[in-house]
Amino acid sequence: MKEDNYKHQGLRNKLVKKLAEKGIKDDRVLSAIGKVPRHFFFESALLDHAYQDKAFPIGEGQTISQPYTVAFQSEKLEIKPGDKVLEIGTGSGYQACILLELGAKVYTIEYNRVLFERTRDFLPTIGYKPHFFHGDGSKGLPVKAPFDKIIVTAGAPIVPDALTSQLKEGGILVIPVGDRTRQLMLRIRKKDGKLIREEFDDFAFVPLLGAQGWGK
């Protein structure tokens, strides 16, 4: 059983303080970052890395996102308790845990089967139980649509129509869009059937694979 002790909690509190200094204002998001034991996602030898504000490789060409990025996307989603949320790109599962701490009902889809199986088996052992799916997230998850919120944790070349069509009226999609190395974070709201787009900072995500993402 993995241990979460005062030392870990102290490191998390420091990380929360750093994220607040970097501009994260939503107290609920900061509180969620302060609750999820990020070191559980790392080998014990890499403990020093767990609470640094940086991304880290998790195998299969993927990373566990930088805490600032997770907090930034979570804040822009404006999660309300009970929101039905689709996460595209399960990866390590860390972002899904933050969404669950915010009170969302989380459906998460992963393209890579190895990561899908690893995370599906791991998260329940630390007390987090989103609904897991394996498949092409660039097409969304039509069988469970529509969603209050959709978050994409990989860089897309375009905003996939499948995602905006699976958004409820009043819903929010947060997605990084650009080329394979840099993306602009977009927030898209569906209002009266129209899509209202806001642009935020540049980020660097791994590519979104799939029919409406990048080819393999």
N, C-alpha and C. Protein backbone atom coordinates (compact mmCIF):
# COMPACT_ATOMS: atom_id res chain seq x y z
N MET A 1 0.86 -1.20 0.00
CA MET A 1 0.00 0.00 0.00
C MET A 1 0.90 1.25 0.00
N LYS A 2 0.61 2.16 -0.89
CA LYS A 2 1.42 3.37 -0.97
C LYS A 2 1.12 4.28 0.21
N GLU A 3 2.14 5.00 0.64
CA GLU A 3 1.99 5.86 1.82
C GLU A 3 1.86 7.32 1.41
N ASP A 4 0.97 8.01 2.09
CA ASP A 4 0.83 9.46 1.89
C ASP A 4 1.00 10.10 3.27
N ASN A 5 2.20 10.59 3.55
CA ASN A 5 2.49 11.08 4.90
C ASN A 5 2.61 12.61 4.96
N TYR A 6 3.00 13.11 6.12
CA TYR A 6 3.09 14.57 6.31
C TYR A 6 4.08 15.21 5.36
N LYS A 7 5.16 14.48 5.06
CA LYS A 7 6.17 15.01 4.13
C LYS A 7 5.53 15.25 2.75
N HIS A 8 4.78 14.25 2.27
CA HIS A 8 4.11 14.36 0.97
C HIS A 8 3.10 15.51 0.98
N GLN A 9 2.35 15.58 2.07
CA GLN A 9 1.33 16.65 2.17
C GLN A 9 2.00 18.02 2.18
N GLY A 10 3.14 18.11 2.84
CA GLY A 10 3.91 19.36 2.87
C GLY A 10 4.38 19.76 1.49
N LEU A 11 4.86 18.77 0.71
CA LEU A 11 5.31 19.04 -0.66
C LEU A 11 4.14 19.47 -1.53
N ARG A 12 2.98 18.86 -1.30
CA ARG A 12 1.77 19.24 -2.06
C ARG A 12 1.34 20.66 -1.74
N ASN A 13 1.41 21.01 -0.45
CA ASN A 13 1.04 22.38 -0.05
C ASN A 13 1.95 23.41 -0.72
N LYS A 14 3.24 23.07 -0.82
CA LYS A 14 4.20 23.96 -1.50
C LYS A 14 3.84 24.11 -2.98
N LEU A 15 3.45 22.98 -3.59
CA LEU A 15 3.07 23.01 -5.01
C LEU A 15 1.81 23.88 -5.20
N VAL A 16 0.85 23.74 -4.31
CA VAL A 16 -0.39 24.54 -4.38
C VAL A 16 -0.04 26.03 -4.30
N LYS A 17 0.86 26.36 -3.38
CA LYS A 17 1.27 27.75 -3.21
C LYS A 17 1.92 28.28 -4.50
N LYS A 18 2.75 27.44 -5.11
CA LYS A 18 3.43 27.83 -6.36
C LYS A 18 2.42 28.06 -7.48
N LEU A 19 1.40 27.19 -7.57
CA LEU A 19 0.39 27.33 -8.62
C LEU A 19 -0.43 28.61 -8.42
N ALA A 20 -0.71 28.93 -7.16
CA ALA A 20 -1.43 30.17 -6.86
C ALA A 20 -0.59 31.38 -7.28
N GLU A 21 0.70 31.30 -7.01
CA GLU A 21 1.62 32.39 -7.41
C GLU A 21 1.68 32.53 -8.94
N LYS A 22 1.50 31.41 -9.65
CA LYS A 22 1.55 31.43 -11.12
C LYS A 22 0.22 31.86 -11.73
N GLY A 23 -0.79 32.13 -10.89
CA GLY A 23 -2.02 32.70 -11.42
C GLY A 23 -3.27 31.84 -11.33
N ILE A 24 -3.17 30.64 -10.73
CA ILE A 24 -4.38 29.81 -10.55
C ILE A 24 -5.17 30.39 -9.37
N LYS A 25 -6.42 30.77 -9.64
CA LYS A 25 -7.20 31.49 -8.61
C LYS A 25 -8.32 30.65 -7.98
N ASP A 26 -8.76 29.62 -8.70
CA ASP A 26 -9.91 28.83 -8.23
C ASP A 26 -9.51 27.99 -7.01
N ASP A 27 -10.07 28.34 -5.86
CA ASP A 27 -9.71 27.65 -4.61
C ASP A 27 -10.06 26.17 -4.65
N ARG A 28 -11.13 25.82 -5.36
CA ARG A 28 -11.52 24.41 -5.43
C ARG A 28 -10.50 23.60 -6.24
N VAL A 29 -9.98 24.21 -7.28
CA VAL A 29 -8.94 23.54 -8.08
C VAL A 29 -7.67 23.38 -7.24
N LEU A 30 -7.28 24.43 -6.54
CA LEU A 30 -6.07 24.36 -5.70
C LEU A 30 -6.25 23.31 -4.60
N SER A 31 -7.44 23.25 -4.04
CA SER A 31 -7.73 22.26 -2.99
C SER A 31 -7.63 20.83 -3.56
N ALA A 32 -8.12 20.63 -4.77
CA ALA A 32 -8.05 19.30 -5.40
C ALA A 32 -6.60 18.89 -5.64
N ILE A 33 -5.78 19.84 -6.12
CA ILE A 33 -4.34 19.57 -6.32
C ILE A 33 -3.70 19.21 -4.97
N GLY A 34 -4.17 19.85 -3.92
CA GLY A 34 -3.65 19.59 -2.58
C GLY A 34 -4.09 18.25 -2.00
N LYS A 35 -5.10 17.63 -2.61
CA LYS A 35 -5.61 16.35 -2.09
C LYS A 35 -5.06 15.13 -2.82
N VAL A 36 -4.89 15.23 -4.14
CA VAL A 36 -4.50 14.03 -4.92
C VAL A 36 -3.01 13.74 -4.73
N PRO A 37 -2.68 12.55 -4.23
CA PRO A 37 -1.27 12.20 -3.98
C PRO A 37 -0.53 11.91 -5.28
N ARG A 38 0.07 12.94 -5.84
CA ARG A 38 0.71 12.82 -7.16
C ARG A 38 1.88 11.84 -7.15
N HIS A 39 2.51 11.67 -5.98
CA HIS A 39 3.64 10.74 -5.91
C HIS A 39 3.21 9.28 -6.14
N PHE A 40 1.92 8.98 -5.98
CA PHE A 40 1.43 7.63 -6.25
C PHE A 40 1.61 7.26 -7.73
N PHE A 41 1.75 8.27 -8.58
CA PHE A 41 1.89 8.04 -10.02
C PHE A 41 3.34 7.87 -10.45
N PHE A 42 4.26 7.94 -9.48
CA PHE A 42 5.70 7.86 -9.75
C PHE A 42 6.31 6.65 -9.05
N GLU A 43 7.38 6.13 -9.63
CA GLU A 43 8.19 5.12 -8.92
C GLU A 43 8.75 5.78 -7.66
N SER A 44 8.92 5.00 -6.59
CA SER A 44 9.37 5.60 -5.33
C SER A 44 10.74 6.29 -5.47
N ALA A 45 11.58 5.79 -6.38
CA ALA A 45 12.91 6.40 -6.59
C ALA A 45 12.80 7.79 -7.19
N LEU A 46 11.64 8.11 -7.77
CA LEU A 46 11.46 9.39 -8.45
C LEU A 46 10.63 10.37 -7.63
N LEU A 47 10.53 10.10 -6.35
CA LEU A 47 9.67 10.90 -5.48
C LEU A 47 9.94 12.40 -5.56
N ASP A 48 11.21 12.75 -5.71
CA ASP A 48 11.57 14.17 -5.78
C ASP A 48 10.89 14.88 -6.95
N HIS A 49 10.59 14.12 -8.00
CA HIS A 49 9.98 14.72 -9.19
C HIS A 49 8.47 14.95 -9.04
N ALA A 50 7.86 14.20 -8.12
CA ALA A 50 6.39 14.15 -8.08
C ALA A 50 5.74 15.50 -7.83
N TYR A 51 6.37 16.34 -7.01
CA TYR A 51 5.75 17.62 -6.67
C TYR A 51 6.47 18.83 -7.26
N GLN A 52 7.29 18.56 -8.28
CA GLN A 52 7.85 19.68 -9.05
C GLN A 52 6.83 20.07 -10.11
N ASP A 53 6.80 21.34 -10.46
CA ASP A 53 5.82 21.79 -11.44
C ASP A 53 6.35 21.55 -12.85
N LYS A 54 6.42 20.25 -13.21
CA LYS A 54 6.87 19.91 -14.56
C LYS A 54 6.23 18.59 -14.99
N ALA A 55 6.18 18.41 -16.32
CA ALA A 55 5.67 17.14 -16.86
C ALA A 55 6.73 16.06 -16.66
N PHE A 56 6.31 14.79 -16.73
CA PHE A 56 7.26 13.70 -16.53
C PHE A 56 6.83 12.51 -17.39
N PRO A 57 7.81 11.83 -18.05
CA PRO A 57 7.43 10.70 -18.91
C PRO A 57 6.81 9.54 -18.12
N ILE A 58 5.78 8.92 -18.72
CA ILE A 58 5.14 7.76 -18.06
C ILE A 58 5.20 6.53 -18.96
N GLY A 59 6.01 6.60 -20.04
CA GLY A 59 6.10 5.48 -20.98
C GLY A 59 5.10 5.64 -22.12
N GLU A 60 5.27 4.80 -23.14
CA GLU A 60 4.38 4.83 -24.32
C GLU A 60 4.38 6.19 -25.01
N GLY A 61 5.49 6.96 -24.85
CA GLY A 61 5.59 8.26 -25.49
C GLY A 61 4.69 9.33 -24.89
N GLN A 62 4.18 9.05 -23.69
CA GLN A 62 3.24 9.97 -23.04
C GLN A 62 3.87 10.56 -21.77
N THR A 63 3.22 11.60 -21.23
CA THR A 63 3.70 12.21 -19.98
C THR A 63 2.55 12.39 -19.00
N ILE A 64 2.91 12.49 -17.71
CA ILE A 64 1.95 12.99 -16.72
C ILE A 64 2.10 14.51 -16.81
N SER A 65 0.99 15.19 -17.05
CA SER A 65 1.04 16.63 -17.34
C SER A 65 1.62 17.43 -16.17
N GLN A 66 2.20 18.57 -16.53
CA GLN A 66 2.68 19.52 -15.53
C GLN A 66 1.49 19.95 -14.66
N PRO A 67 1.67 20.00 -13.32
CA PRO A 67 0.56 20.41 -12.44
C PRO A 67 -0.08 21.74 -12.84
N TYR A 68 0.73 22.71 -13.27
CA TYR A 68 0.16 24.00 -13.69
C TYR A 68 -0.82 23.81 -14.85
N THR A 69 -0.45 22.96 -15.80
CA THR A 69 -1.32 22.71 -16.96
C THR A 69 -2.63 22.06 -16.52
N VAL A 70 -2.53 21.08 -15.63
CA VAL A 70 -3.72 20.40 -15.10
C VAL A 70 -4.62 21.41 -14.40
N ALA A 71 -4.03 22.25 -13.56
CA ALA A 71 -4.79 23.27 -12.82
C ALA A 71 -5.41 24.28 -13.78
N PHE A 72 -4.65 24.70 -14.80
CA PHE A 72 -5.11 25.69 -15.77
C PHE A 72 -6.33 25.17 -16.53
N GLN A 73 -6.22 23.95 -17.06
CA GLN A 73 -7.34 23.39 -17.81
C GLN A 73 -8.55 23.16 -16.89
N SER A 74 -8.29 22.69 -15.69
CA SER A 74 -9.39 22.42 -14.74
C SER A 74 -10.12 23.71 -14.39
N GLU A 75 -9.37 24.78 -14.18
CA GLU A 75 -9.96 26.07 -13.85
C GLU A 75 -10.83 26.59 -15.01
N LYS A 76 -10.32 26.45 -16.23
CA LYS A 76 -11.04 26.96 -17.40
C LYS A 76 -12.33 26.16 -17.67
N LEU A 77 -12.41 24.94 -17.15
CA LEU A 77 -13.61 24.11 -17.35
C LEU A 77 -14.79 24.55 -16.48
N GLU A 78 -14.49 25.28 -15.40
CA GLU A 78 -15.56 25.76 -14.49
C GLU A 78 -16.46 24.60 -14.03
N ILE A 79 -15.83 23.57 -13.48
CA ILE A 79 -16.57 22.37 -13.04
C ILE A 79 -17.51 22.69 -11.88
N LYS A 80 -18.75 22.21 -12.04
CA LYS A 80 -19.70 22.26 -10.93
C LYS A 80 -19.91 20.84 -10.45
N PRO A 81 -20.13 20.64 -9.13
CA PRO A 81 -20.38 19.27 -8.66
C PRO A 81 -21.53 18.64 -9.44
N GLY A 82 -21.32 17.40 -9.88
CA GLY A 82 -22.35 16.70 -10.64
C GLY A 82 -22.22 16.85 -12.14
N ASP A 83 -21.32 17.73 -12.61
CA ASP A 83 -21.10 17.88 -14.06
C ASP A 83 -20.67 16.55 -14.66
N LYS A 84 -21.22 16.27 -15.83
CA LYS A 84 -20.82 15.08 -16.60
C LYS A 84 -19.69 15.52 -17.52
N VAL A 85 -18.50 14.97 -17.29
CA VAL A 85 -17.29 15.44 -17.98
C VAL A 85 -16.66 14.32 -18.80
N LEU A 86 -16.31 14.65 -20.05
CA LEU A 86 -15.54 13.73 -20.89
C LEU A 86 -14.10 14.20 -20.92
N GLU A 87 -13.19 13.30 -20.55
CA GLU A 87 -11.75 13.58 -20.66
C GLU A 87 -11.18 12.77 -21.82
N ILE A 88 -10.52 13.46 -22.75
CA ILE A 88 -9.93 12.78 -23.89
C ILE A 88 -8.43 12.71 -23.69
N GLY A 89 -7.94 11.49 -23.46
CA GLY A 89 -6.53 11.26 -23.16
C GLY A 89 -6.35 10.99 -21.67
N THR A 90 -6.70 9.76 -21.24
CA THR A 90 -6.61 9.39 -19.82
C THR A 90 -5.18 9.50 -19.32
N GLY A 91 -4.25 9.00 -20.14
CA GLY A 91 -2.83 9.03 -19.74
C GLY A 91 -2.63 8.35 -18.40
N SER A 92 -1.95 9.04 -17.49
CA SER A 92 -1.65 8.49 -16.16
C SER A 92 -2.89 8.41 -15.28
N GLY A 93 -3.91 9.24 -15.59
CA GLY A 93 -5.11 9.29 -14.75
C GLY A 93 -5.11 10.43 -13.75
N TYR A 94 -4.01 11.18 -13.68
CA TYR A 94 -3.91 12.25 -12.67
C TYR A 94 -4.97 13.34 -12.88
N GLN A 95 -5.14 13.76 -14.14
CA GLN A 95 -6.16 14.80 -14.42
C GLN A 95 -7.56 14.30 -14.05
N ALA A 96 -7.85 13.04 -14.34
CA ALA A 96 -9.17 12.48 -14.00
C ALA A 96 -9.41 12.54 -12.49
N CYS A 97 -8.37 12.28 -11.70
CA CYS A 97 -8.49 12.35 -10.23
C CYS A 97 -8.84 13.76 -9.77
N ILE A 98 -8.22 14.77 -10.40
CA ILE A 98 -8.51 16.16 -10.05
C ILE A 98 -9.97 16.47 -10.37
N LEU A 99 -10.45 16.03 -11.53
CA LEU A 99 -11.85 16.26 -11.91
C LEU A 99 -12.81 15.58 -10.93
N LEU A 100 -12.46 14.38 -10.49
CA LEU A 100 -13.29 13.67 -9.51
C LEU A 100 -13.31 14.42 -8.18
N GLU A 101 -12.17 14.95 -7.77
CA GLU A 101 -12.10 15.74 -6.53
C GLU A 101 -12.97 17.00 -6.63
N LEU A 102 -13.15 17.51 -7.85
CA LEU A 102 -14.00 18.69 -8.06
C LEU A 102 -15.49 18.33 -8.10
N GLY A 103 -15.78 17.04 -7.98
CA GLY A 103 -17.18 16.61 -7.91
C GLY A 103 -17.79 16.23 -9.25
N ALA A 104 -16.95 16.11 -10.28
CA ALA A 104 -17.47 15.74 -11.60
C ALA A 104 -17.73 14.25 -11.70
N LYS A 105 -18.64 13.91 -12.61
CA LYS A 105 -18.84 12.51 -13.01
C LYS A 105 -18.00 12.34 -14.26
N VAL A 106 -16.93 11.54 -14.19
CA VAL A 106 -15.90 11.55 -15.23
C VAL A 106 -15.95 10.31 -16.12
N TYR A 107 -16.00 10.58 -17.43
CA TYR A 107 -15.85 9.55 -18.46
C TYR A 107 -14.53 9.85 -19.15
N THR A 108 -13.63 8.87 -19.18
CA THR A 108 -12.30 9.15 -19.72
C THR A 108 -11.93 8.12 -20.77
N ILE A 109 -11.41 8.60 -21.90
CA ILE A 109 -11.08 7.70 -23.01
C ILE A 109 -9.61 7.82 -23.38
N GLU A 110 -8.97 6.67 -23.61
CA GLU A 110 -7.54 6.61 -23.92
C GLU A 110 -7.32 5.81 -25.21
N TYR A 111 -6.50 6.35 -26.10
CA TYR A 111 -6.21 5.74 -27.40
C TYR A 111 -5.24 4.56 -27.27
N ASN A 112 -4.28 4.69 -26.34
CA ASN A 112 -3.21 3.69 -26.19
C ASN A 112 -3.67 2.57 -25.24
N ARG A 113 -3.73 1.35 -25.75
CA ARG A 113 -4.28 0.25 -24.94
C ARG A 113 -3.45 -0.04 -23.69
N VAL A 114 -2.14 0.03 -23.80
CA VAL A 114 -1.28 -0.25 -22.64
C VAL A 114 -1.58 0.74 -21.51
N LEU A 115 -1.64 2.02 -21.85
CA LEU A 115 -1.95 3.04 -20.83
C LEU A 115 -3.37 2.87 -20.30
N PHE A 116 -4.31 2.60 -21.19
CA PHE A 116 -5.71 2.39 -20.79
C PHE A 116 -5.80 1.30 -19.73
N GLU A 117 -5.17 0.14 -20.00
CA GLU A 117 -5.27 -0.99 -19.06
C GLU A 117 -4.54 -0.68 -17.75
N ARG A 118 -3.38 -0.04 -17.87
CA ARG A 118 -2.59 0.27 -16.67
C ARG A 118 -3.36 1.21 -15.73
N THR A 119 -3.91 2.28 -16.32
CA THR A 119 -4.59 3.29 -15.51
C THR A 119 -5.94 2.79 -15.00
N ARG A 120 -6.64 2.03 -15.83
CA ARG A 120 -7.94 1.45 -15.41
C ARG A 120 -7.75 0.55 -14.19
N ASP A 121 -6.64 -0.20 -14.16
CA ASP A 121 -6.38 -1.10 -13.03
C ASP A 121 -5.85 -0.35 -11.81
N PHE A 122 -5.09 0.74 -12.07
CA PHE A 122 -4.41 1.45 -10.97
C PHE A 122 -5.31 2.42 -10.19
N LEU A 123 -6.07 3.25 -10.89
CA LEU A 123 -6.80 4.32 -10.19
C LEU A 123 -7.72 3.81 -9.07
N PRO A 124 -8.50 2.73 -9.31
CA PRO A 124 -9.36 2.26 -8.21
C PRO A 124 -8.58 1.84 -6.95
N THR A 125 -7.31 1.44 -7.13
CA THR A 125 -6.51 1.03 -5.95
C THR A 125 -6.16 2.22 -5.06
N ILE A 126 -6.24 3.45 -5.62
CA ILE A 126 -5.99 4.64 -4.79
C ILE A 126 -7.28 5.43 -4.52
N GLY A 127 -8.41 4.77 -4.84
CA GLY A 127 -9.70 5.34 -4.45
C GLY A 127 -10.40 6.21 -5.48
N TYR A 128 -9.94 6.19 -6.74
CA TYR A 128 -10.57 7.01 -7.78
C TYR A 128 -11.19 6.11 -8.85
N LYS A 129 -12.47 6.37 -9.15
CA LYS A 129 -13.19 5.47 -10.06
C LYS A 129 -13.97 6.21 -11.16
N PRO A 130 -13.25 6.78 -12.12
CA PRO A 130 -13.95 7.32 -13.29
C PRO A 130 -14.45 6.15 -14.15
N HIS A 131 -15.22 6.46 -15.19
CA HIS A 131 -15.65 5.45 -16.15
C HIS A 131 -14.61 5.41 -17.26
N PHE A 132 -13.97 4.25 -17.44
CA PHE A 132 -12.85 4.13 -18.39
C PHE A 132 -13.30 3.58 -19.75
N PHE A 133 -12.75 4.17 -20.81
CA PHE A 133 -13.02 3.68 -22.16
C PHE A 133 -11.73 3.66 -22.97
N HIS A 134 -11.62 2.67 -23.87
CA HIS A 134 -10.48 2.60 -24.78
C HIS A 134 -10.98 2.90 -26.18
N GLY A 135 -10.32 3.83 -26.89
CA GLY A 135 -10.76 4.13 -28.25
C GLY A 135 -10.23 5.46 -28.75
N ASP A 136 -10.80 5.90 -29.87
CA ASP A 136 -10.37 7.13 -30.54
C ASP A 136 -11.11 8.32 -29.94
N GLY A 137 -10.43 9.01 -29.04
CA GLY A 137 -11.04 10.14 -28.34
C GLY A 137 -11.31 11.34 -29.24
N SER A 138 -10.65 11.40 -30.42
CA SER A 138 -10.91 12.53 -31.31
C SER A 138 -12.36 12.49 -31.83
N LYS A 139 -13.01 11.33 -31.67
CA LYS A 139 -14.41 11.18 -32.08
C LYS A 139 -15.35 11.37 -30.88
N GLY A 140 -14.76 11.71 -29.72
CA GLY A 140 -15.57 11.85 -28.51
C GLY A 140 -16.02 10.50 -27.98
N LEU A 141 -17.18 10.49 -27.35
CA LEU A 141 -17.74 9.25 -26.79
C LEU A 141 -19.26 9.29 -27.00
N PRO A 142 -19.68 9.08 -28.26
CA PRO A 142 -21.10 9.25 -28.61
C PRO A 142 -22.06 8.45 -27.74
N VAL A 143 -21.63 7.25 -27.31
CA VAL A 143 -22.54 6.40 -26.52
C VAL A 143 -22.91 7.02 -25.18
N LYS A 144 -22.12 7.97 -24.68
CA LYS A 144 -22.40 8.60 -23.38
C LYS A 144 -22.74 10.08 -23.51
N ALA A 145 -22.74 10.60 -24.74
CA ALA A 145 -23.02 12.04 -24.95
C ALA A 145 -24.50 12.33 -24.65
N PRO A 146 -24.84 13.60 -24.38
CA PRO A 146 -23.97 14.78 -24.39
C PRO A 146 -23.30 15.00 -23.03
N PHE A 147 -22.32 15.92 -23.02
CA PHE A 147 -21.54 16.23 -21.82
C PHE A 147 -21.66 17.70 -21.44
N ASP A 148 -21.57 17.96 -20.13
CA ASP A 148 -21.52 19.36 -19.65
C ASP A 148 -20.19 19.99 -20.00
N LYS A 149 -19.12 19.20 -19.88
CA LYS A 149 -17.77 19.72 -20.10
C LYS A 149 -16.95 18.65 -20.82
N ILE A 150 -16.05 19.10 -21.69
CA ILE A 150 -15.11 18.18 -22.36
C ILE A 150 -13.72 18.79 -22.24
N ILE A 151 -12.76 17.96 -21.81
CA ILE A 151 -11.36 18.39 -21.70
C ILE A 151 -10.50 17.48 -22.56
N VAL A 152 -9.64 18.10 -23.36
CA VAL A 152 -8.72 17.35 -24.23
C VAL A 152 -7.31 17.56 -23.70
N THR A 153 -6.63 16.46 -23.38
CA THR A 153 -5.30 16.57 -22.75
C THR A 153 -4.18 16.21 -23.74
N ALA A 154 -4.45 16.43 -25.02
CA ALA A 154 -3.44 16.24 -26.06
C ALA A 154 -3.66 17.31 -27.12
N GLY A 155 -2.59 17.66 -27.84
CA GLY A 155 -2.67 18.75 -28.82
C GLY A 155 -3.37 18.32 -30.10
N ALA A 156 -4.37 19.09 -30.51
CA ALA A 156 -5.15 18.75 -31.71
C ALA A 156 -4.81 19.70 -32.86
N PRO A 157 -4.91 19.21 -34.11
CA PRO A 157 -4.66 20.09 -35.26
C PRO A 157 -5.84 21.03 -35.52
N ILE A 158 -7.03 20.58 -35.13
CA ILE A 158 -8.27 21.35 -35.31
C ILE A 158 -9.17 21.06 -34.11
N VAL A 159 -10.27 21.79 -34.00
CA VAL A 159 -11.29 21.44 -33.00
C VAL A 159 -12.21 20.40 -33.66
N PRO A 160 -12.18 19.15 -33.20
CA PRO A 160 -13.01 18.12 -33.84
C PRO A 160 -14.51 18.43 -33.71
N ASP A 161 -15.21 18.37 -34.86
CA ASP A 161 -16.67 18.59 -34.85
C ASP A 161 -17.37 17.62 -33.90
N ALA A 162 -16.84 16.40 -33.82
CA ALA A 162 -17.45 15.39 -32.96
C ALA A 162 -17.57 15.88 -31.52
N LEU A 163 -16.57 16.67 -31.09
CA LEU A 163 -16.56 17.12 -29.69
C LEU A 163 -17.56 18.24 -29.46
N THR A 164 -17.60 19.22 -30.36
CA THR A 164 -18.54 20.32 -30.16
C THR A 164 -19.98 19.82 -30.28
N SER A 165 -20.20 18.79 -31.13
CA SER A 165 -21.56 18.27 -31.28
C SER A 165 -22.00 17.46 -30.05
N GLN A 166 -21.03 16.97 -29.26
CA GLN A 166 -21.37 16.18 -28.06
C GLN A 166 -21.43 17.04 -26.79
N LEU A 167 -21.33 18.36 -26.98
CA LEU A 167 -21.40 19.30 -25.86
C LEU A 167 -22.85 19.73 -25.65
N LYS A 168 -23.29 19.74 -24.41
CA LYS A 168 -24.64 20.23 -24.09
C LYS A 168 -24.72 21.74 -24.33
N GLU A 169 -25.91 22.25 -24.49
CA GLU A 169 -26.13 23.70 -24.51
C GLU A 169 -25.60 24.27 -23.19
N GLY A 170 -24.80 25.34 -23.28
CA GLY A 170 -24.19 25.92 -22.08
C GLY A 170 -22.90 25.22 -21.67
N GLY A 171 -22.52 24.19 -22.44
CA GLY A 171 -21.33 23.41 -22.09
C GLY A 171 -20.04 24.08 -22.50
N ILE A 172 -18.93 23.53 -21.98
CA ILE A 172 -17.59 24.09 -22.22
C ILE A 172 -16.64 22.98 -22.69
N LEU A 173 -15.90 23.29 -23.76
CA LEU A 173 -14.82 22.43 -24.25
C LEU A 173 -13.51 23.18 -24.06
N VAL A 174 -12.53 22.53 -23.41
CA VAL A 174 -11.18 23.11 -23.27
C VAL A 174 -10.23 22.20 -24.04
N ILE A 175 -9.55 22.79 -25.03
CA ILE A 175 -8.73 21.99 -25.94
C ILE A 175 -7.51 22.78 -26.44
N PRO A 176 -6.31 22.14 -26.41
CA PRO A 176 -5.14 22.79 -27.01
C PRO A 176 -5.08 22.51 -28.51
N VAL A 177 -5.01 23.57 -29.33
CA VAL A 177 -5.03 23.42 -30.79
C VAL A 177 -3.81 24.11 -31.39
N GLY A 178 -3.13 23.42 -32.32
CA GLY A 178 -1.96 24.01 -32.97
C GLY A 178 -1.24 22.96 -33.79
N ASP A 179 0.10 23.03 -33.82
CA ASP A 179 0.87 22.02 -34.54
C ASP A 179 1.34 20.95 -33.55
N ARG A 180 2.27 20.11 -33.98
CA ARG A 180 2.67 18.99 -33.12
C ARG A 180 3.54 19.41 -31.93
N THR A 181 4.07 20.64 -31.96
CA THR A 181 4.97 21.05 -30.87
C THR A 181 4.39 22.12 -29.94
N ARG A 182 3.60 23.06 -30.49
CA ARG A 182 3.02 24.13 -29.65
C ARG A 182 1.53 24.25 -29.96
N GLN A 183 0.75 24.50 -28.91
CA GLN A 183 -0.69 24.68 -29.10
C GLN A 183 -1.20 25.87 -28.29
N LEU A 184 -2.27 26.45 -28.78
CA LEU A 184 -2.96 27.53 -28.10
C LEU A 184 -4.11 26.90 -27.33
N MET A 185 -4.25 27.23 -26.05
CA MET A 185 -5.37 26.69 -25.27
C MET A 185 -6.65 27.45 -25.63
N LEU A 186 -7.65 26.70 -26.05
CA LEU A 186 -8.94 27.30 -26.40
C LEU A 186 -10.01 26.87 -25.41
N ARG A 187 -10.93 27.80 -25.15
CA ARG A 187 -12.16 27.44 -24.41
C ARG A 187 -13.33 27.76 -25.33
N ILE A 188 -14.14 26.77 -25.59
CA ILE A 188 -15.28 26.93 -26.49
C ILE A 188 -16.56 26.67 -25.71
N ARG A 189 -17.45 27.67 -25.72
CA ARG A 189 -18.75 27.53 -25.06
C ARG A 189 -19.84 27.38 -26.10
N LYS A 190 -20.81 26.52 -25.80
CA LYS A 190 -21.96 26.39 -26.69
C LYS A 190 -23.10 27.22 -26.10
N LYS A 191 -23.48 28.27 -26.81
CA LYS A 191 -24.52 29.18 -26.33
C LYS A 191 -25.54 29.42 -27.43
N ASP A 192 -26.79 29.07 -27.15
CA ASP A 192 -27.87 29.19 -28.15
C ASP A 192 -27.46 28.49 -29.45
N GLY A 193 -26.82 27.34 -29.31
CA GLY A 193 -26.42 26.55 -30.48
C GLY A 193 -25.19 27.08 -31.20
N LYS A 194 -24.68 28.25 -30.77
CA LYS A 194 -23.48 28.82 -31.41
C LYS A 194 -22.25 28.49 -30.55
N LEU A 195 -21.08 28.52 -31.19
CA LEU A 195 -19.83 28.25 -30.49
C LEU A 195 -19.07 29.55 -30.27
N ILE A 196 -18.79 29.85 -29.00
CA ILE A 196 -18.06 31.07 -28.66
C ILE A 196 -16.66 30.65 -28.21
N ARG A 197 -15.65 31.23 -28.87
CA ARG A 197 -14.28 30.77 -28.67
C ARG A 197 -13.44 31.82 -27.95
N GLU A 198 -12.72 31.37 -26.93
CA GLU A 198 -11.74 32.24 -26.24
C GLU A 198 -10.36 31.61 -26.38
N GLU A 199 -9.32 32.46 -26.49
CA GLU A 199 -7.96 31.96 -26.62
C GLU A 199 -7.14 32.33 -25.38
N PHE A 200 -6.31 31.39 -24.95
CA PHE A 200 -5.45 31.62 -23.77
C PHE A 200 -3.99 31.39 -24.16
N ASP A 201 -3.20 30.91 -23.21
CA ASP A 201 -1.75 30.81 -23.41
C ASP A 201 -1.36 29.66 -24.34
N ASP A 202 -0.09 29.66 -24.73
CA ASP A 202 0.52 28.56 -25.48
C ASP A 202 0.93 27.45 -24.52
N PHE A 203 0.79 26.22 -24.97
CA PHE A 203 1.24 25.05 -24.20
C PHE A 203 1.90 24.07 -25.14
N ALA A 204 2.53 23.05 -24.58
CA ALA A 204 3.12 21.98 -25.39
C ALA A 204 2.57 20.64 -24.90
N PHE A 205 1.70 20.03 -25.68
CA PHE A 205 1.11 18.73 -25.35
C PHE A 205 1.61 17.67 -26.33
N VAL A 206 1.50 16.39 -25.93
CA VAL A 206 1.73 15.30 -26.88
C VAL A 206 0.58 15.35 -27.89
N PRO A 207 0.77 14.85 -29.12
CA PRO A 207 -0.27 14.95 -30.16
C PRO A 207 -1.50 14.10 -29.85
N LEU A 208 -2.67 14.64 -30.19
CA LEU A 208 -3.93 13.89 -30.14
C LEU A 208 -3.96 12.98 -31.36
N LEU A 209 -4.04 11.67 -31.13
CA LEU A 209 -4.08 10.72 -32.24
C LEU A 209 -5.52 10.36 -32.56
N GLY A 210 -5.77 10.00 -33.82
CA GLY A 210 -7.11 9.56 -34.18
C GLY A 210 -7.63 10.20 -35.45
N ALA A 211 -8.85 9.85 -35.80
CA ALA A 211 -9.46 10.26 -37.07
C ALA A 211 -9.55 11.79 -37.20
N GLN A 212 -9.87 12.47 -36.09
CA GLN A 212 -9.95 13.94 -36.13
C GLN A 212 -8.77 14.58 -35.39
N GLY A 213 -7.74 13.76 -35.16
CA GLY A 213 -6.50 14.25 -34.56
C GLY A 213 -5.37 14.11 -35.59
N TRP A 214 -4.16 13.87 -35.10
CA TRP A 214 -3.02 13.63 -35.99
C TRP A 214 -3.01 12.14 -36.36
N GLY A 215 -2.50 11.83 -37.55
CA GLY A 215 -2.31 10.43 -37.91
C GLY A 215 -1.25 9.82 -37.02
N LYS A 216 -1.10 8.50 -37.07
CA LYS A 216 -0.11 7.83 -36.21
C LYS A 216 1.30 8.28 -36.54
